[in-house]
Amino acid sequence: MNRHRVIGVSAAVVLAGLGAAGVLSWASNTKSSAEDQQAQTAVVIVDKHVPKGADAATILAGTHEGTVARKTLAEGALTSESQVGTQVASADLYPGDQLVKDRLAVAADNGLPAGAVEYGVKLEAEAAVGGLVKADDKVDVFLTFKPKDTTQPNTYATLASVPVTNVLTAATTTDANGAVKSPQYVVTLAVTADQSAQVVQADTVWLARPVVK
């Protein structure tokens, strides 16, 4: 056989082998890619910190629907934001977390404002509606702020229709002369985060309860 023909045939055999290997490699890569795609699953991912007690709207504003490898899907993870429904956050949610059902709870229908926090205020009887304030009342809260510069006038704020969730009567005490002091009350108010900051900073707190005819 002609030497050139032998070389040509050999080259053709090598190229054919390389072509077959390439086809096999392409097929393998295609199969692997398809398997990778099939191994992905939808999941709800937290984008920013969502505090405990946040309502459904706040949860949805802090999450998005993404995908992760199926093998890394957390147990109980939500795969759609629609699964949040009207639930609230039962624990803090942090960026990068998968949203799992154990961190959600059914919203309690307690009549309190959304996002309310409870804050206890210790008051003398006269500031606690003469000691008549009680749980489930709605009171107006009058706040006084004394400026650091005593040449400036006091400032005031009023929080309207604040729910009272609990009233605790403090133990009766006596002064240095043995006289019985007027009772004090710890009144727990359901306020927003902004309102609680005002209450904390106030120098005096007085409650007023609307008269019901």
N, C-alpha and C. Protein backbone atom coordinates (compact mmCIF):
# COMPACT_ATOMS: atom_id res chain seq x y z
N MET A 1 0.86 -1.20 0.00
CA MET A 1 0.00 0.00 0.00
C MET A 1 0.89 1.23 0.00
N ASN A 2 0.46 2.19 -0.75
CA ASN A 2 1.17 3.47 -0.83
C ASN A 2 1.30 4.09 0.55
N ARG A 3 2.53 4.58 0.86
CA ARG A 3 2.79 5.17 2.19
C ARG A 3 1.87 6.33 2.46
N HIS A 4 1.61 7.17 1.48
CA HIS A 4 0.73 8.33 1.67
C HIS A 4 -0.69 7.88 1.98
N ARG A 5 -1.11 6.80 1.30
CA ARG A 5 -2.46 6.31 1.55
C ARG A 5 -2.57 5.79 2.98
N VAL A 6 -1.52 5.10 3.47
CA VAL A 6 -1.52 4.59 4.84
C VAL A 6 -1.65 5.73 5.83
N ILE A 7 -0.88 6.80 5.60
CA ILE A 7 -0.92 7.96 6.50
C ILE A 7 -2.30 8.59 6.48
N GLY A 8 -2.89 8.68 5.27
CA GLY A 8 -4.22 9.28 5.14
C GLY A 8 -5.27 8.48 5.88
N VAL A 9 -5.19 7.16 5.73
CA VAL A 9 -6.17 6.31 6.40
C VAL A 9 -6.03 6.43 7.91
N SER A 10 -4.78 6.46 8.36
CA SER A 10 -4.52 6.57 9.81
C SER A 10 -5.07 7.88 10.35
N ALA A 11 -4.83 8.94 9.59
CA ALA A 11 -5.32 10.25 10.03
C ALA A 11 -6.84 10.26 10.10
N ALA A 12 -7.46 9.62 9.11
CA ALA A 12 -8.92 9.58 9.09
C ALA A 12 -9.46 8.83 10.30
N VAL A 13 -8.75 7.73 10.65
CA VAL A 13 -9.16 6.95 11.81
C VAL A 13 -9.05 7.77 13.08
N VAL A 14 -7.93 8.54 13.19
CA VAL A 14 -7.72 9.38 14.38
C VAL A 14 -8.78 10.45 14.48
N LEU A 15 -9.05 11.13 13.34
CA LEU A 15 -10.06 12.19 13.34
C LEU A 15 -11.44 11.64 13.68
N ALA A 16 -11.73 10.45 13.15
CA ALA A 16 -13.02 9.84 13.44
C ALA A 16 -13.13 9.55 14.93
N GLY A 17 -12.00 9.09 15.50
CA GLY A 17 -12.00 8.81 16.95
C GLY A 17 -12.20 10.08 17.75
N LEU A 18 -11.51 11.14 17.33
CA LEU A 18 -11.67 12.43 18.02
C LEU A 18 -13.09 12.95 17.89
N GLY A 19 -13.67 12.76 16.70
CA GLY A 19 -15.05 13.21 16.49
C GLY A 19 -16.01 12.46 17.38
N ALA A 20 -15.81 11.18 17.48
CA ALA A 20 -16.69 10.37 18.33
C ALA A 20 -16.55 10.77 19.78
N ALA A 21 -15.28 11.03 20.18
CA ALA A 21 -15.05 11.45 21.57
C ALA A 21 -15.72 12.79 21.84
N GLY A 22 -15.65 13.69 20.82
CA GLY A 22 -16.29 15.00 20.97
C GLY A 22 -17.79 14.87 21.10
N VAL A 23 -18.37 14.00 20.29
CA VAL A 23 -19.82 13.78 20.35
C VAL A 23 -20.21 13.23 21.71
N LEU A 24 -19.44 12.27 22.18
CA LEU A 24 -19.72 11.69 23.50
C LEU A 24 -19.59 12.73 24.60
N SER A 25 -18.54 13.58 24.49
CA SER A 25 -18.34 14.64 25.49
C SER A 25 -19.49 15.62 25.47
N TRP A 26 -19.91 16.04 24.25
CA TRP A 26 -21.04 16.98 24.12
C TRP A 26 -22.32 16.37 24.70
N ALA A 27 -22.54 15.10 24.40
CA ALA A 27 -23.74 14.43 24.90
C ALA A 27 -23.70 14.34 26.42
N SER A 28 -22.49 14.05 26.94
CA SER A 28 -22.35 13.95 28.39
C SER A 28 -22.61 15.29 29.05
N ASN A 29 -22.04 16.37 28.45
CA ASN A 29 -22.23 17.71 29.01
C ASN A 29 -23.69 18.13 28.95
N THR A 30 -24.36 17.81 27.82
CA THR A 30 -25.76 18.15 27.65
C THR A 30 -26.62 17.45 28.70
N LYS A 31 -26.31 16.16 28.92
CA LYS A 31 -27.04 15.37 29.91
C LYS A 31 -26.82 15.94 31.31
N SER A 32 -25.54 16.31 31.59
CA SER A 32 -25.21 16.86 32.91
C SER A 32 -25.94 18.18 33.14
N SER A 33 -25.98 19.03 32.07
CA SER A 33 -26.67 20.31 32.19
C SER A 33 -28.16 20.11 32.44
N ALA A 34 -28.75 19.17 31.72
CA ALA A 34 -30.18 18.88 31.89
C ALA A 34 -30.45 18.36 33.30
N GLU A 35 -29.53 17.51 33.80
CA GLU A 35 -29.70 16.98 35.14
C GLU A 35 -29.57 18.09 36.18
N ASP A 36 -28.63 19.04 35.92
CA ASP A 36 -28.46 20.16 36.84
C ASP A 36 -29.72 21.00 36.91
N GLN A 37 -30.32 21.23 35.71
CA GLN A 37 -31.55 22.03 35.66
C GLN A 37 -32.67 21.31 36.42
N GLN A 38 -32.75 20.00 36.23
CA GLN A 38 -33.79 19.24 36.90
C GLN A 38 -33.55 19.20 38.41
N ALA A 39 -32.28 19.39 38.84
CA ALA A 39 -31.95 19.33 40.26
C ALA A 39 -32.22 20.64 40.97
N GLN A 40 -32.61 21.69 40.25
CA GLN A 40 -32.93 22.98 40.84
C GLN A 40 -34.41 23.00 41.27
N THR A 41 -34.69 23.70 42.34
CA THR A 41 -36.06 23.82 42.81
C THR A 41 -36.33 25.23 43.30
N ALA A 42 -37.57 25.66 43.19
CA ALA A 42 -37.96 26.99 43.64
C ALA A 42 -37.94 27.06 45.16
N VAL A 43 -37.64 28.26 45.69
CA VAL A 43 -37.62 28.46 47.13
C VAL A 43 -37.77 29.95 47.41
N VAL A 44 -38.35 30.29 48.56
CA VAL A 44 -38.48 31.69 48.97
C VAL A 44 -37.25 32.04 49.80
N ILE A 45 -36.54 33.09 49.37
CA ILE A 45 -35.29 33.49 50.00
C ILE A 45 -35.45 34.86 50.65
N VAL A 46 -34.90 35.02 51.83
CA VAL A 46 -34.98 36.29 52.56
C VAL A 46 -33.93 37.26 52.02
N ASP A 47 -34.37 38.49 51.72
CA ASP A 47 -33.46 39.52 51.18
C ASP A 47 -32.94 40.45 52.26
N LYS A 48 -33.76 40.77 53.24
CA LYS A 48 -33.36 41.70 54.29
C LYS A 48 -33.98 41.28 55.61
N HIS A 49 -33.44 41.81 56.69
CA HIS A 49 -33.92 41.41 58.02
C HIS A 49 -35.41 41.72 58.18
N VAL A 50 -36.14 40.70 58.59
CA VAL A 50 -37.58 40.85 58.89
C VAL A 50 -37.75 40.51 60.36
N PRO A 51 -38.22 41.46 61.18
CA PRO A 51 -38.30 41.21 62.62
C PRO A 51 -39.42 40.25 63.00
N LYS A 52 -39.25 39.62 64.13
CA LYS A 52 -40.30 38.75 64.69
C LYS A 52 -41.58 39.55 64.86
N GLY A 53 -42.70 38.96 64.46
CA GLY A 53 -43.99 39.63 64.59
C GLY A 53 -44.41 40.38 63.34
N ALA A 54 -43.53 40.48 62.34
CA ALA A 54 -43.86 41.20 61.11
C ALA A 54 -45.03 40.54 60.40
N ASP A 55 -45.89 41.37 59.79
CA ASP A 55 -47.05 40.81 59.09
C ASP A 55 -46.67 40.30 57.71
N ALA A 56 -47.65 39.72 57.01
CA ALA A 56 -47.37 39.08 55.72
C ALA A 56 -46.82 40.07 54.70
N ALA A 57 -47.36 41.30 54.68
CA ALA A 57 -46.89 42.29 53.71
C ALA A 57 -45.41 42.61 53.92
N THR A 58 -45.01 42.71 55.18
CA THR A 58 -43.60 43.00 55.49
C THR A 58 -42.71 41.83 55.11
N ILE A 59 -43.21 40.62 55.34
CA ILE A 59 -42.44 39.42 54.96
C ILE A 59 -42.22 39.39 53.45
N LEU A 60 -43.30 39.62 52.70
CA LEU A 60 -43.20 39.57 51.23
C LEU A 60 -42.30 40.67 50.70
N ALA A 61 -42.28 41.82 51.37
CA ALA A 61 -41.42 42.93 50.93
C ALA A 61 -39.94 42.62 51.18
N GLY A 62 -39.68 41.66 52.06
CA GLY A 62 -38.30 41.32 52.39
C GLY A 62 -37.84 39.99 51.85
N THR A 63 -38.60 39.41 50.91
CA THR A 63 -38.23 38.12 50.35
C THR A 63 -38.42 38.10 48.83
N HIS A 64 -37.93 37.06 48.19
CA HIS A 64 -38.20 36.85 46.76
C HIS A 64 -38.17 35.36 46.47
N GLU A 65 -38.76 34.99 45.34
CA GLU A 65 -38.74 33.59 44.91
C GLU A 65 -37.49 33.36 44.06
N GLY A 66 -36.65 32.42 44.48
CA GLY A 66 -35.45 32.08 43.74
C GLY A 66 -35.37 30.59 43.54
N THR A 67 -34.18 30.10 43.19
CA THR A 67 -33.97 28.67 43.02
C THR A 67 -32.69 28.25 43.73
N VAL A 68 -32.68 27.02 44.20
CA VAL A 68 -31.48 26.43 44.79
C VAL A 68 -31.40 24.98 44.33
N ALA A 69 -30.24 24.39 44.50
CA ALA A 69 -30.10 22.97 44.20
C ALA A 69 -31.02 22.19 45.13
N ARG A 70 -31.71 21.22 44.56
CA ARG A 70 -32.69 20.47 45.34
C ARG A 70 -32.06 19.86 46.59
N LYS A 71 -30.80 19.46 46.48
CA LYS A 71 -30.16 18.79 47.62
C LYS A 71 -29.88 19.78 48.76
N THR A 72 -29.90 21.10 48.47
CA THR A 72 -29.65 22.09 49.52
C THR A 72 -30.94 22.72 50.04
N LEU A 73 -32.10 22.25 49.56
CA LEU A 73 -33.38 22.80 50.01
C LEU A 73 -33.60 22.45 51.48
N ALA A 74 -33.84 23.47 52.29
CA ALA A 74 -34.05 23.25 53.73
C ALA A 74 -35.37 22.53 53.97
N GLU A 75 -35.43 21.75 55.02
CA GLU A 75 -36.65 21.03 55.36
C GLU A 75 -37.75 22.03 55.72
N GLY A 76 -38.89 21.90 55.08
CA GLY A 76 -40.02 22.78 55.35
C GLY A 76 -39.93 24.13 54.65
N ALA A 77 -39.00 24.27 53.71
CA ALA A 77 -38.84 25.55 53.02
C ALA A 77 -40.04 25.83 52.11
N LEU A 78 -40.46 27.10 52.04
CA LEU A 78 -41.56 27.49 51.17
C LEU A 78 -41.03 27.60 49.74
N THR A 79 -41.81 27.14 48.79
CA THR A 79 -41.39 27.21 47.39
C THR A 79 -42.12 28.30 46.62
N SER A 80 -43.06 28.97 47.27
CA SER A 80 -43.81 30.06 46.63
C SER A 80 -44.20 31.08 47.68
N GLU A 81 -44.14 32.36 47.33
CA GLU A 81 -44.53 33.41 48.28
C GLU A 81 -46.01 33.34 48.61
N SER A 82 -46.80 32.71 47.73
CA SER A 82 -48.23 32.58 48.01
C SER A 82 -48.48 31.74 49.26
N GLN A 83 -47.50 30.92 49.63
CA GLN A 83 -47.64 30.08 50.81
C GLN A 83 -47.57 30.87 52.12
N VAL A 84 -47.08 32.12 52.04
CA VAL A 84 -47.03 32.97 53.23
C VAL A 84 -48.44 33.29 53.70
N GLY A 85 -49.35 33.53 52.73
CA GLY A 85 -50.73 33.83 53.07
C GLY A 85 -50.85 35.05 53.96
N THR A 86 -51.53 34.89 55.10
CA THR A 86 -51.71 35.99 56.05
C THR A 86 -50.91 35.75 57.32
N GLN A 87 -49.93 34.86 57.25
CA GLN A 87 -49.16 34.52 58.44
C GLN A 87 -48.21 35.65 58.83
N VAL A 88 -47.70 35.56 60.05
CA VAL A 88 -46.74 36.53 60.56
C VAL A 88 -45.44 35.80 60.87
N ALA A 89 -44.37 36.57 61.04
CA ALA A 89 -43.07 35.97 61.36
C ALA A 89 -43.04 35.60 62.85
N SER A 90 -42.79 34.34 63.14
CA SER A 90 -42.72 33.88 64.53
C SER A 90 -41.30 33.96 65.07
N ALA A 91 -40.35 34.37 64.21
CA ALA A 91 -38.96 34.55 64.61
C ALA A 91 -38.32 35.54 63.64
N ASP A 92 -37.18 36.09 64.00
CA ASP A 92 -36.47 36.99 63.10
C ASP A 92 -36.03 36.24 61.85
N LEU A 93 -36.15 36.89 60.69
CA LEU A 93 -35.69 36.32 59.42
C LEU A 93 -34.47 37.12 58.95
N TYR A 94 -33.44 36.42 58.47
CA TYR A 94 -32.19 37.09 58.13
C TYR A 94 -31.84 36.88 56.65
N PRO A 95 -31.16 37.88 56.04
CA PRO A 95 -30.81 37.81 54.61
C PRO A 95 -30.06 36.53 54.27
N GLY A 96 -30.46 35.93 53.16
CA GLY A 96 -29.82 34.71 52.69
C GLY A 96 -30.48 33.44 53.17
N ASP A 97 -31.32 33.55 54.20
CA ASP A 97 -32.01 32.36 54.72
C ASP A 97 -33.09 31.90 53.74
N GLN A 98 -33.34 30.60 53.73
CA GLN A 98 -34.54 30.08 53.08
C GLN A 98 -35.69 30.23 54.07
N LEU A 99 -36.84 30.66 53.58
CA LEU A 99 -37.99 30.85 54.45
C LEU A 99 -38.66 29.50 54.70
N VAL A 100 -38.64 29.06 55.95
CA VAL A 100 -39.23 27.76 56.29
C VAL A 100 -40.52 27.98 57.09
N LYS A 101 -41.40 27.02 57.00
CA LYS A 101 -42.73 27.16 57.60
C LYS A 101 -42.67 27.29 59.12
N ASP A 102 -41.62 26.75 59.75
CA ASP A 102 -41.51 26.82 61.20
C ASP A 102 -41.26 28.24 61.69
N ARG A 103 -40.89 29.16 60.79
CA ARG A 103 -40.66 30.55 61.19
C ARG A 103 -41.87 31.45 60.91
N LEU A 104 -42.99 30.80 60.60
CA LEU A 104 -44.24 31.53 60.37
C LEU A 104 -45.30 31.02 61.33
N ALA A 105 -46.27 31.88 61.62
CA ALA A 105 -47.35 31.48 62.51
C ALA A 105 -48.62 32.21 62.10
N VAL A 106 -49.74 31.65 62.47
CA VAL A 106 -51.03 32.28 62.19
C VAL A 106 -51.14 33.56 63.03
N ALA A 107 -51.55 34.63 62.40
CA ALA A 107 -51.67 35.91 63.10
C ALA A 107 -52.75 35.83 64.16
N ALA A 108 -52.41 36.25 65.36
CA ALA A 108 -53.40 36.24 66.44
C ALA A 108 -54.36 37.41 66.28
N ASP A 109 -55.64 37.11 66.38
CA ASP A 109 -56.65 38.17 66.25
C ASP A 109 -56.95 38.72 67.64
N ASN A 110 -56.02 39.62 68.12
CA ASN A 110 -56.19 40.18 69.46
C ASN A 110 -56.65 41.63 69.44
N GLY A 111 -56.96 42.13 68.25
CA GLY A 111 -57.46 43.49 68.15
C GLY A 111 -56.40 44.56 68.29
N LEU A 112 -55.13 44.17 68.42
CA LEU A 112 -54.06 45.15 68.57
C LEU A 112 -53.60 45.64 67.21
N PRO A 113 -53.04 46.85 67.16
CA PRO A 113 -52.53 47.37 65.89
C PRO A 113 -51.43 46.48 65.34
N ALA A 114 -51.34 46.38 64.01
CA ALA A 114 -50.29 45.58 63.39
C ALA A 114 -48.92 46.11 63.80
N GLY A 115 -48.04 45.20 64.18
CA GLY A 115 -46.69 45.60 64.57
C GLY A 115 -46.59 46.21 65.95
N ALA A 116 -47.65 46.11 66.75
CA ALA A 116 -47.64 46.73 68.08
C ALA A 116 -46.66 46.03 69.02
N VAL A 117 -46.10 46.81 69.94
CA VAL A 117 -45.26 46.26 70.99
C VAL A 117 -45.87 46.68 72.33
N GLU A 118 -45.66 45.85 73.35
CA GLU A 118 -46.22 46.17 74.67
C GLU A 118 -45.14 46.83 75.53
N TYR A 119 -45.52 47.93 76.14
CA TYR A 119 -44.58 48.68 76.95
C TYR A 119 -45.23 49.05 78.28
N GLY A 120 -44.58 48.71 79.39
CA GLY A 120 -45.13 48.98 80.71
C GLY A 120 -44.68 50.32 81.24
N VAL A 121 -45.62 51.10 81.79
CA VAL A 121 -45.32 52.41 82.35
C VAL A 121 -45.76 52.43 83.82
N LYS A 122 -44.85 52.82 84.72
CA LYS A 122 -45.18 52.91 86.13
C LYS A 122 -45.75 54.29 86.43
N LEU A 123 -46.97 54.34 86.96
CA LEU A 123 -47.67 55.61 87.14
C LEU A 123 -48.25 55.73 88.55
N GLU A 124 -48.30 56.96 89.03
CA GLU A 124 -49.04 57.24 90.25
C GLU A 124 -50.53 57.15 89.93
N ALA A 125 -51.34 57.03 90.97
CA ALA A 125 -52.78 56.85 90.77
C ALA A 125 -53.39 57.96 89.93
N GLU A 126 -53.00 59.23 90.22
CA GLU A 126 -53.62 60.34 89.49
C GLU A 126 -53.28 60.33 88.00
N ALA A 127 -52.12 59.76 87.66
CA ALA A 127 -51.74 59.70 86.25
C ALA A 127 -52.34 58.48 85.56
N ALA A 128 -52.86 57.54 86.36
CA ALA A 128 -53.47 56.33 85.81
C ALA A 128 -54.98 56.41 85.93
N VAL A 129 -55.53 57.57 85.60
CA VAL A 129 -56.98 57.80 85.65
C VAL A 129 -57.52 57.51 87.05
N GLY A 130 -56.79 57.96 88.07
CA GLY A 130 -57.23 57.75 89.44
C GLY A 130 -57.27 56.30 89.85
N GLY A 131 -56.51 55.47 89.14
CA GLY A 131 -56.51 54.04 89.44
C GLY A 131 -57.65 53.28 88.80
N LEU A 132 -58.41 53.96 87.94
CA LEU A 132 -59.57 53.32 87.31
C LEU A 132 -59.23 52.63 85.99
N VAL A 133 -58.05 52.90 85.45
CA VAL A 133 -57.69 52.30 84.17
C VAL A 133 -57.60 50.78 84.33
N LYS A 134 -58.02 50.06 83.31
CA LYS A 134 -58.02 48.58 83.38
C LYS A 134 -57.71 48.01 82.00
N ALA A 135 -57.41 46.72 81.99
CA ALA A 135 -57.10 46.04 80.73
C ALA A 135 -58.28 46.14 79.77
N ASP A 136 -57.97 46.24 78.50
CA ASP A 136 -58.92 46.37 77.38
C ASP A 136 -59.47 47.79 77.23
N ASP A 137 -59.06 48.72 78.11
CA ASP A 137 -59.40 50.13 77.88
C ASP A 137 -58.62 50.66 76.69
N LYS A 138 -59.12 51.75 76.13
CA LYS A 138 -58.35 52.52 75.16
C LYS A 138 -58.19 53.92 75.73
N VAL A 139 -56.95 54.34 75.89
CA VAL A 139 -56.67 55.60 76.56
C VAL A 139 -55.89 56.54 75.66
N ASP A 140 -56.02 57.83 75.96
CA ASP A 140 -55.16 58.83 75.34
C ASP A 140 -53.96 59.02 76.26
N VAL A 141 -52.78 59.05 75.68
CA VAL A 141 -51.54 59.15 76.46
C VAL A 141 -50.93 60.53 76.23
N PHE A 142 -50.80 61.29 77.32
CA PHE A 142 -50.24 62.63 77.23
C PHE A 142 -48.79 62.61 77.72
N LEU A 143 -47.88 63.09 76.89
CA LEU A 143 -46.45 63.03 77.18
C LEU A 143 -45.89 64.45 77.31
N THR A 144 -45.00 64.63 78.27
CA THR A 144 -44.32 65.90 78.46
C THR A 144 -42.82 65.69 78.32
N PHE A 145 -42.17 66.57 77.58
CA PHE A 145 -40.73 66.50 77.37
C PHE A 145 -40.09 67.79 77.85
N LYS A 146 -39.19 67.67 78.82
CA LYS A 146 -38.50 68.85 79.33
C LYS A 146 -37.19 69.05 78.57
N PRO A 147 -36.96 70.23 78.02
CA PRO A 147 -35.74 70.47 77.26
C PRO A 147 -34.52 70.55 78.17
N LYS A 148 -33.36 70.23 77.64
CA LYS A 148 -32.13 70.35 78.41
C LYS A 148 -31.83 71.81 78.72
N ASP A 149 -32.17 72.67 77.78
CA ASP A 149 -32.03 74.11 77.98
C ASP A 149 -33.27 74.61 78.71
N THR A 150 -33.12 74.94 79.98
CA THR A 150 -34.27 75.30 80.81
C THR A 150 -34.93 76.61 80.39
N THR A 151 -34.29 77.34 79.47
CA THR A 151 -34.91 78.57 78.99
C THR A 151 -35.97 78.28 77.94
N GLN A 152 -36.00 77.05 77.46
CA GLN A 152 -36.96 76.66 76.44
C GLN A 152 -38.20 76.04 77.09
N PRO A 153 -39.36 76.19 76.48
CA PRO A 153 -40.59 75.62 77.06
C PRO A 153 -40.65 74.11 76.87
N ASN A 154 -41.46 73.47 77.70
CA ASN A 154 -41.70 72.04 77.54
C ASN A 154 -42.42 71.77 76.23
N THR A 155 -42.24 70.57 75.72
CA THR A 155 -42.99 70.15 74.54
C THR A 155 -43.90 69.00 74.93
N TYR A 156 -44.94 68.80 74.13
CA TYR A 156 -45.96 67.82 74.49
C TYR A 156 -46.32 66.97 73.27
N ALA A 157 -46.84 65.79 73.55
CA ALA A 157 -47.34 64.92 72.48
C ALA A 157 -48.50 64.12 73.04
N THR A 158 -49.42 63.77 72.18
CA THR A 158 -50.57 62.96 72.58
C THR A 158 -50.69 61.75 71.67
N LEU A 159 -50.82 60.58 72.27
CA LEU A 159 -51.06 59.35 71.53
C LEU A 159 -52.52 58.97 71.77
N ALA A 160 -53.29 58.91 70.71
CA ALA A 160 -54.74 58.70 70.84
C ALA A 160 -55.12 57.22 70.77
N SER A 161 -56.12 56.86 71.56
CA SER A 161 -56.74 55.52 71.53
C SER A 161 -55.72 54.39 71.59
N VAL A 162 -54.87 54.45 72.59
CA VAL A 162 -53.86 53.41 72.79
C VAL A 162 -54.46 52.26 73.62
N PRO A 163 -54.40 51.02 73.15
CA PRO A 163 -54.96 49.88 73.91
C PRO A 163 -54.16 49.59 75.18
N VAL A 164 -54.87 49.31 76.26
CA VAL A 164 -54.25 48.86 77.51
C VAL A 164 -54.38 47.35 77.57
N THR A 165 -53.26 46.64 77.70
CA THR A 165 -53.32 45.17 77.71
C THR A 165 -53.23 44.58 79.11
N ASN A 166 -52.73 45.37 80.08
CA ASN A 166 -52.65 44.84 81.44
C ASN A 166 -52.43 45.98 82.43
N VAL A 167 -52.94 45.81 83.65
CA VAL A 167 -52.71 46.78 84.72
C VAL A 167 -52.32 46.00 85.97
N LEU A 168 -51.17 46.37 86.54
CA LEU A 168 -50.68 45.71 87.74
C LEU A 168 -50.57 46.75 88.85
N THR A 169 -51.16 46.47 89.98
CA THR A 169 -51.06 47.39 91.12
C THR A 169 -49.81 47.04 91.92
N ALA A 170 -48.93 48.04 92.06
CA ALA A 170 -47.70 47.82 92.82
C ALA A 170 -48.00 47.70 94.30
N ALA A 171 -47.10 47.07 95.03
CA ALA A 171 -47.29 46.89 96.47
C ALA A 171 -47.34 48.25 97.17
N THR A 172 -48.20 48.36 98.18
CA THR A 172 -48.32 49.61 98.95
C THR A 172 -47.04 49.83 99.76
N THR A 173 -46.54 51.07 99.75
CA THR A 173 -45.32 51.40 100.48
C THR A 173 -45.57 52.60 101.39
N THR A 174 -44.62 52.84 102.27
CA THR A 174 -44.71 53.99 103.18
C THR A 174 -43.52 54.90 102.98
N ASP A 175 -43.69 56.16 103.36
CA ASP A 175 -42.58 57.10 103.25
C ASP A 175 -41.73 57.05 104.51
N ALA A 176 -40.77 57.97 104.62
CA ALA A 176 -39.84 57.97 105.76
C ALA A 176 -40.54 58.19 107.08
N ASN A 177 -41.70 58.83 107.05
CA ASN A 177 -42.45 59.10 108.28
C ASN A 177 -43.47 58.01 108.59
N GLY A 178 -43.50 56.97 107.79
CA GLY A 178 -44.43 55.88 108.03
C GLY A 178 -45.79 56.07 107.42
N ALA A 179 -45.97 57.17 106.71
CA ALA A 179 -47.26 57.42 106.06
C ALA A 179 -47.39 56.53 104.83
N VAL A 180 -48.57 56.00 104.62
CA VAL A 180 -48.81 55.12 103.46
C VAL A 180 -48.84 55.96 102.19
N LYS A 181 -48.03 55.56 101.24
CA LYS A 181 -48.00 56.26 99.96
C LYS A 181 -49.20 55.84 99.11
N SER A 182 -49.59 56.71 98.21
CA SER A 182 -50.67 56.34 97.29
C SER A 182 -50.19 55.20 96.40
N PRO A 183 -51.07 54.30 96.01
CA PRO A 183 -50.64 53.14 95.21
C PRO A 183 -50.12 53.56 93.84
N GLN A 184 -49.23 52.73 93.34
CA GLN A 184 -48.71 52.94 91.99
C GLN A 184 -49.20 51.81 91.09
N TYR A 185 -49.23 52.09 89.81
CA TYR A 185 -49.74 51.12 88.84
C TYR A 185 -48.74 50.97 87.70
N VAL A 186 -48.57 49.73 87.26
CA VAL A 186 -47.79 49.48 86.05
C VAL A 186 -48.80 49.18 84.95
N VAL A 187 -48.94 50.14 84.05
CA VAL A 187 -49.92 50.03 82.97
C VAL A 187 -49.20 49.61 81.69
N THR A 188 -49.62 48.50 81.12
CA THR A 188 -49.00 48.01 79.88
C THR A 188 -49.79 48.52 78.68
N LEU A 189 -49.10 49.25 77.81
CA LEU A 189 -49.72 49.86 76.64
C LEU A 189 -49.26 49.15 75.37
N ALA A 190 -50.17 48.99 74.41
CA ALA A 190 -49.81 48.42 73.10
C ALA A 190 -49.57 49.58 72.15
N VAL A 191 -48.31 49.84 71.86
CA VAL A 191 -47.94 51.00 71.04
C VAL A 191 -47.08 50.55 69.86
N THR A 192 -46.95 51.43 68.89
CA THR A 192 -46.05 51.15 67.77
C THR A 192 -44.62 51.40 68.22
N ALA A 193 -43.66 50.98 67.41
CA ALA A 193 -42.25 51.18 67.75
C ALA A 193 -41.94 52.66 67.92
N ASP A 194 -42.48 53.50 67.03
CA ASP A 194 -42.24 54.95 67.12
C ASP A 194 -42.86 55.52 68.39
N GLN A 195 -44.06 55.06 68.71
CA GLN A 195 -44.73 55.55 69.91
C GLN A 195 -43.98 55.12 71.17
N SER A 196 -43.47 53.90 71.18
CA SER A 196 -42.74 53.43 72.37
C SER A 196 -41.50 54.28 72.61
N ALA A 197 -40.85 54.72 71.53
CA ALA A 197 -39.68 55.59 71.68
C ALA A 197 -40.07 56.91 72.33
N GLN A 198 -41.24 57.43 71.97
CA GLN A 198 -41.72 58.66 72.59
C GLN A 198 -42.02 58.46 74.07
N VAL A 199 -42.65 57.34 74.40
CA VAL A 199 -43.01 57.07 75.79
C VAL A 199 -41.75 56.94 76.64
N VAL A 200 -40.74 56.24 76.12
CA VAL A 200 -39.48 56.05 76.85
C VAL A 200 -38.81 57.39 77.14
N GLN A 201 -38.84 58.30 76.18
CA GLN A 201 -38.13 59.57 76.31
C GLN A 201 -38.92 60.63 77.08
N ALA A 202 -40.20 60.37 77.32
CA ALA A 202 -41.03 61.38 78.00
C ALA A 202 -40.63 61.52 79.46
N ASP A 203 -40.73 62.76 79.97
CA ASP A 203 -40.44 63.03 81.38
C ASP A 203 -41.66 62.74 82.25
N THR A 204 -42.84 62.96 81.72
CA THR A 204 -44.06 62.59 82.44
C THR A 204 -45.03 61.93 81.48
N VAL A 205 -45.82 60.98 82.04
CA VAL A 205 -46.83 60.27 81.26
C VAL A 205 -48.14 60.32 82.04
N TRP A 206 -49.18 60.76 81.38
CA TRP A 206 -50.52 60.78 81.99
C TRP A 206 -51.48 60.11 81.04
N LEU A 207 -52.44 59.40 81.63
CA LEU A 207 -53.46 58.73 80.82
C LEU A 207 -54.81 59.39 81.01
N ALA A 208 -55.59 59.37 79.95
CA ALA A 208 -56.97 59.86 80.03
C ALA A 208 -57.86 58.82 79.36
N ARG A 209 -58.99 58.54 80.01
CA ARG A 209 -59.92 57.54 79.45
C ARG A 209 -61.22 58.23 79.06
N PRO A 210 -61.67 58.05 77.81
CA PRO A 210 -62.93 58.68 77.39
C PRO A 210 -64.09 58.22 78.27
N VAL A 211 -64.99 59.13 78.55
CA VAL A 211 -66.16 58.82 79.36
C VAL A 211 -67.20 58.15 78.48
N VAL A 212 -67.66 56.97 78.87
CA VAL A 212 -68.66 56.24 78.11
C VAL A 212 -70.02 56.50 78.75
N LYS A 213 -70.93 57.04 77.96
CA LYS A 213 -72.28 57.34 78.49
C LYS A 213 -73.18 56.13 78.36
